[in-house]
Structures are given as C-alpha cells and as structure tokens.
Amino acid sequence: MQQSQPNNPLHGIKLATIVEELQEHYGWEGLAERIDINCFKSNPSVKSSLKFLRRTPWARSKVEELYLATFRRNNPWGKS
C-alpha cells in the first residue's frame, strides 16, 4: 500500500525520471555546470548517474533540488 505524502513534491517521481528530464532539458554539459559531480562530466550516462546518485545522498539531494527549481518555477503543481 502506497502512502500519500502531500508535503513531498517529489513523491511518485522516480530518480530515473528526474535524471532523464534534467538531461533532456540541460544536456550533460549543462548538468555538469550546475552540479559539479563526475557522473555528469566524465563519460556520462543515465545508468552510471543513477548508480552514483543512489549511493551518494548529498549528490542526490542536489539533483532533486535542481529538478524542483527547474520544473516547479512556473507551476506549483509540478512539470507543465
């Protein structure tokens, strides 16, 4: 049973979706400029980024913050 999390804006959004949408929006180079982590700089891929982000809470937090800042700016209910 899945619990409702009304105060969590990322509830129900998979990390893979977050990375894919950010990569599509900014490109790998743009992501590397905004978040200084090697998984976006050196031979980047969604798979390698997900592996790193799942093991590194501080980096995942930065990616989630960028996602919210990027896609919630004009629409308080999520991506338009």
N, C-alpha and C. Protein backbone atom coordinates (compact mmCIF):
# COMPACT_ATOMS: atom_id res chain seq x y z
N MET A 1 0.82 -1.17 0.00
CA MET A 1 0.00 0.00 0.00
C MET A 1 0.88 1.25 0.00
N GLN A 2 0.64 2.15 -0.90
CA GLN A 2 1.44 3.36 -1.05
C GLN A 2 0.81 4.48 -0.23
N GLN A 3 1.63 5.13 0.62
CA GLN A 3 1.13 6.20 1.46
C GLN A 3 1.17 7.53 0.72
N SER A 4 0.23 8.39 1.03
CA SER A 4 0.20 9.73 0.47
C SER A 4 1.20 10.60 1.21
N GLN A 5 1.92 11.42 0.46
CA GLN A 5 2.90 12.33 1.04
C GLN A 5 2.67 13.73 0.46
N PRO A 6 1.66 14.43 0.97
CA PRO A 6 1.28 15.72 0.38
C PRO A 6 2.37 16.79 0.48
N ASN A 7 3.27 16.68 1.44
CA ASN A 7 4.32 17.69 1.60
C ASN A 7 5.61 17.33 0.87
N ASN A 8 5.62 16.23 0.15
CA ASN A 8 6.81 15.81 -0.59
C ASN A 8 6.55 16.04 -2.08
N PRO A 9 7.12 17.11 -2.66
CA PRO A 9 6.85 17.40 -4.07
C PRO A 9 7.42 16.37 -5.04
N LEU A 10 8.32 15.52 -4.56
CA LEU A 10 8.91 14.50 -5.44
C LEU A 10 8.25 13.13 -5.26
N HIS A 11 7.25 13.05 -4.43
CA HIS A 11 6.57 11.77 -4.20
C HIS A 11 6.02 11.23 -5.52
N GLY A 12 6.37 9.99 -5.82
CA GLY A 12 5.87 9.34 -7.02
C GLY A 12 6.72 9.57 -8.26
N ILE A 13 7.76 10.38 -8.14
CA ILE A 13 8.66 10.63 -9.28
C ILE A 13 9.92 9.81 -9.09
N LYS A 14 10.20 8.95 -10.03
CA LYS A 14 11.39 8.09 -9.94
C LYS A 14 12.66 8.90 -10.19
N LEU A 15 13.74 8.47 -9.54
CA LEU A 15 15.03 9.13 -9.75
C LEU A 15 15.43 9.06 -11.22
N ALA A 16 15.14 7.97 -11.89
CA ALA A 16 15.47 7.84 -13.31
C ALA A 16 14.74 8.91 -14.13
N THR A 17 13.51 9.18 -13.79
CA THR A 17 12.73 10.21 -14.49
C THR A 17 13.36 11.58 -14.26
N ILE A 18 13.77 11.84 -13.04
CA ILE A 18 14.39 13.12 -12.70
C ILE A 18 15.66 13.32 -13.53
N VAL A 19 16.52 12.31 -13.55
CA VAL A 19 17.79 12.42 -14.29
C VAL A 19 17.52 12.56 -15.79
N GLU A 20 16.61 11.77 -16.32
CA GLU A 20 16.31 11.83 -17.76
C GLU A 20 15.76 13.19 -18.16
N GLU A 21 14.85 13.74 -17.37
CA GLU A 21 14.26 15.03 -17.71
C GLU A 21 15.27 16.17 -17.58
N LEU A 22 16.11 16.10 -16.55
CA LEU A 22 17.15 17.13 -16.41
C LEU A 22 18.16 17.04 -17.56
N GLN A 23 18.53 15.82 -17.93
CA GLN A 23 19.49 15.65 -19.03
C GLN A 23 18.89 16.16 -20.33
N GLU A 24 17.63 15.90 -20.55
CA GLU A 24 16.96 16.37 -21.76
C GLU A 24 16.88 17.90 -21.78
N HIS A 25 16.65 18.48 -20.62
CA HIS A 25 16.49 19.93 -20.51
C HIS A 25 17.83 20.67 -20.62
N TYR A 26 18.85 20.20 -19.88
CA TYR A 26 20.14 20.89 -19.80
C TYR A 26 21.25 20.26 -20.64
N GLY A 27 21.14 18.96 -20.91
CA GLY A 27 22.24 18.23 -21.53
C GLY A 27 23.26 17.89 -20.44
N TRP A 28 24.16 16.97 -20.74
CA TRP A 28 25.16 16.56 -19.75
C TRP A 28 26.07 17.72 -19.37
N GLU A 29 26.47 18.50 -20.35
CA GLU A 29 27.37 19.62 -20.08
C GLU A 29 26.70 20.65 -19.16
N GLY A 30 25.45 20.94 -19.43
CA GLY A 30 24.71 21.87 -18.60
C GLY A 30 24.51 21.36 -17.18
N LEU A 31 24.28 20.06 -17.04
CA LEU A 31 24.16 19.48 -15.71
C LEU A 31 25.48 19.57 -14.95
N ALA A 32 26.57 19.29 -15.65
CA ALA A 32 27.90 19.35 -15.02
C ALA A 32 28.23 20.77 -14.57
N GLU A 33 27.76 21.77 -15.31
CA GLU A 33 27.99 23.16 -14.92
C GLU A 33 27.20 23.50 -13.66
N ARG A 34 26.01 22.96 -13.53
CA ARG A 34 25.14 23.29 -12.40
C ARG A 34 25.44 22.46 -11.16
N ILE A 35 25.83 21.21 -11.37
CA ILE A 35 26.14 20.31 -10.25
C ILE A 35 27.50 19.68 -10.55
N ASP A 36 28.49 20.02 -9.76
CA ASP A 36 29.87 19.60 -10.01
C ASP A 36 30.13 18.19 -9.49
N ILE A 37 29.64 17.19 -10.25
CA ILE A 37 29.91 15.79 -9.91
C ILE A 37 30.38 15.06 -11.17
N ASN A 38 31.29 14.12 -10.98
CA ASN A 38 31.92 13.44 -12.11
C ASN A 38 30.97 12.62 -12.95
N CYS A 39 29.88 12.13 -12.37
CA CYS A 39 28.97 11.30 -13.17
C CYS A 39 28.31 12.11 -14.28
N PHE A 40 28.35 13.46 -14.19
CA PHE A 40 27.83 14.31 -15.25
C PHE A 40 28.94 14.82 -16.17
N LYS A 41 30.18 14.66 -15.75
CA LYS A 41 31.32 15.20 -16.50
C LYS A 41 32.06 14.15 -17.32
N SER A 42 32.36 13.03 -16.69
CA SER A 42 33.22 12.03 -17.30
C SER A 42 32.41 10.86 -17.84
N ASN A 43 32.29 10.78 -19.16
CA ASN A 43 31.58 9.68 -19.81
C ASN A 43 30.18 9.48 -19.22
N PRO A 44 29.34 10.51 -19.23
CA PRO A 44 28.04 10.44 -18.55
C PRO A 44 27.02 9.54 -19.25
N SER A 45 26.20 8.91 -18.44
CA SER A 45 25.06 8.15 -18.93
C SER A 45 24.02 8.13 -17.81
N VAL A 46 22.80 7.87 -18.16
CA VAL A 46 21.74 7.79 -17.16
C VAL A 46 22.06 6.66 -16.18
N LYS A 47 22.47 5.52 -16.70
CA LYS A 47 22.74 4.36 -15.86
C LYS A 47 23.84 4.63 -14.83
N SER A 48 24.96 5.21 -15.27
CA SER A 48 26.06 5.48 -14.34
C SER A 48 25.67 6.57 -13.34
N SER A 49 24.90 7.55 -13.80
CA SER A 49 24.46 8.62 -12.91
C SER A 49 23.54 8.07 -11.82
N LEU A 50 22.61 7.21 -12.20
CA LEU A 50 21.69 6.62 -11.23
C LEU A 50 22.45 5.80 -10.19
N LYS A 51 23.41 5.04 -10.64
CA LYS A 51 24.21 4.21 -9.72
C LYS A 51 24.90 5.10 -8.69
N PHE A 52 25.51 6.19 -9.14
CA PHE A 52 26.20 7.11 -8.24
C PHE A 52 25.21 7.81 -7.30
N LEU A 53 24.14 8.33 -7.86
CA LEU A 53 23.19 9.11 -7.05
C LEU A 53 22.49 8.26 -5.99
N ARG A 54 22.27 6.99 -6.28
CA ARG A 54 21.63 6.11 -5.30
C ARG A 54 22.54 5.83 -4.11
N ARG A 55 23.85 5.92 -4.32
CA ARG A 55 24.82 5.66 -3.26
C ARG A 55 25.31 6.92 -2.56
N THR A 56 24.94 8.10 -3.09
CA THR A 56 25.51 9.35 -2.59
C THR A 56 24.39 10.34 -2.27
N PRO A 57 23.93 10.33 -1.03
CA PRO A 57 22.78 11.16 -0.66
C PRO A 57 22.96 12.66 -0.92
N TRP A 58 24.13 13.22 -0.67
CA TRP A 58 24.31 14.66 -0.88
C TRP A 58 24.17 15.02 -2.35
N ALA A 59 24.66 14.16 -3.24
CA ALA A 59 24.56 14.44 -4.68
C ALA A 59 23.11 14.28 -5.14
N ARG A 60 22.45 13.26 -4.65
CA ARG A 60 21.04 13.05 -5.00
C ARG A 60 20.21 14.26 -4.57
N SER A 61 20.49 14.78 -3.39
CA SER A 61 19.78 15.94 -2.89
C SER A 61 19.97 17.14 -3.82
N LYS A 62 21.17 17.36 -4.31
CA LYS A 62 21.43 18.47 -5.24
C LYS A 62 20.66 18.29 -6.55
N VAL A 63 20.60 17.07 -7.04
CA VAL A 63 19.88 16.79 -8.28
C VAL A 63 18.38 17.01 -8.07
N GLU A 64 17.86 16.56 -6.95
CA GLU A 64 16.43 16.76 -6.66
C GLU A 64 16.11 18.25 -6.52
N GLU A 65 16.99 19.01 -5.88
CA GLU A 65 16.78 20.45 -5.73
C GLU A 65 16.78 21.15 -7.09
N LEU A 66 17.70 20.75 -7.97
CA LEU A 66 17.74 21.33 -9.31
C LEU A 66 16.47 20.99 -10.08
N TYR A 67 16.00 19.77 -9.95
CA TYR A 67 14.76 19.35 -10.62
C TYR A 67 13.59 20.22 -10.18
N LEU A 68 13.46 20.41 -8.87
CA LEU A 68 12.36 21.23 -8.36
C LEU A 68 12.49 22.67 -8.81
N ALA A 69 13.70 23.20 -8.78
CA ALA A 69 13.91 24.59 -9.19
C ALA A 69 13.63 24.77 -10.69
N THR A 70 13.93 23.75 -11.47
CA THR A 70 13.76 23.83 -12.91
C THR A 70 12.30 23.67 -13.33
N PHE A 71 11.63 22.68 -12.81
CA PHE A 71 10.31 22.33 -13.31
C PHE A 71 9.14 22.80 -12.45
N ARG A 72 9.40 23.39 -11.30
CA ARG A 72 8.30 23.88 -10.46
C ARG A 72 8.25 25.39 -10.41
N ARG A 73 9.13 26.07 -11.10
CA ARG A 73 9.21 27.53 -11.03
C ARG A 73 7.89 28.19 -11.40
N ASN A 74 7.30 27.82 -12.53
CA ASN A 74 6.08 28.47 -13.01
C ASN A 74 4.81 27.72 -12.64
N ASN A 75 4.94 26.50 -12.22
CA ASN A 75 3.77 25.67 -11.95
C ASN A 75 3.94 25.00 -10.59
N PRO A 76 3.24 25.46 -9.56
CA PRO A 76 3.42 24.90 -8.23
C PRO A 76 2.99 23.44 -8.09
N TRP A 77 2.32 22.90 -9.10
CA TRP A 77 1.87 21.51 -9.02
C TRP A 77 2.73 20.57 -9.83
N GLY A 78 3.89 21.01 -10.28
CA GLY A 78 4.79 20.11 -10.98
C GLY A 78 5.10 20.58 -12.38
N LYS A 79 5.65 19.69 -13.15
CA LYS A 79 6.08 19.99 -14.50
C LYS A 79 4.90 20.31 -15.40
N SER A 80 5.06 21.34 -16.22
CA SER A 80 3.96 21.71 -17.12
C SER A 80 4.07 21.02 -18.46
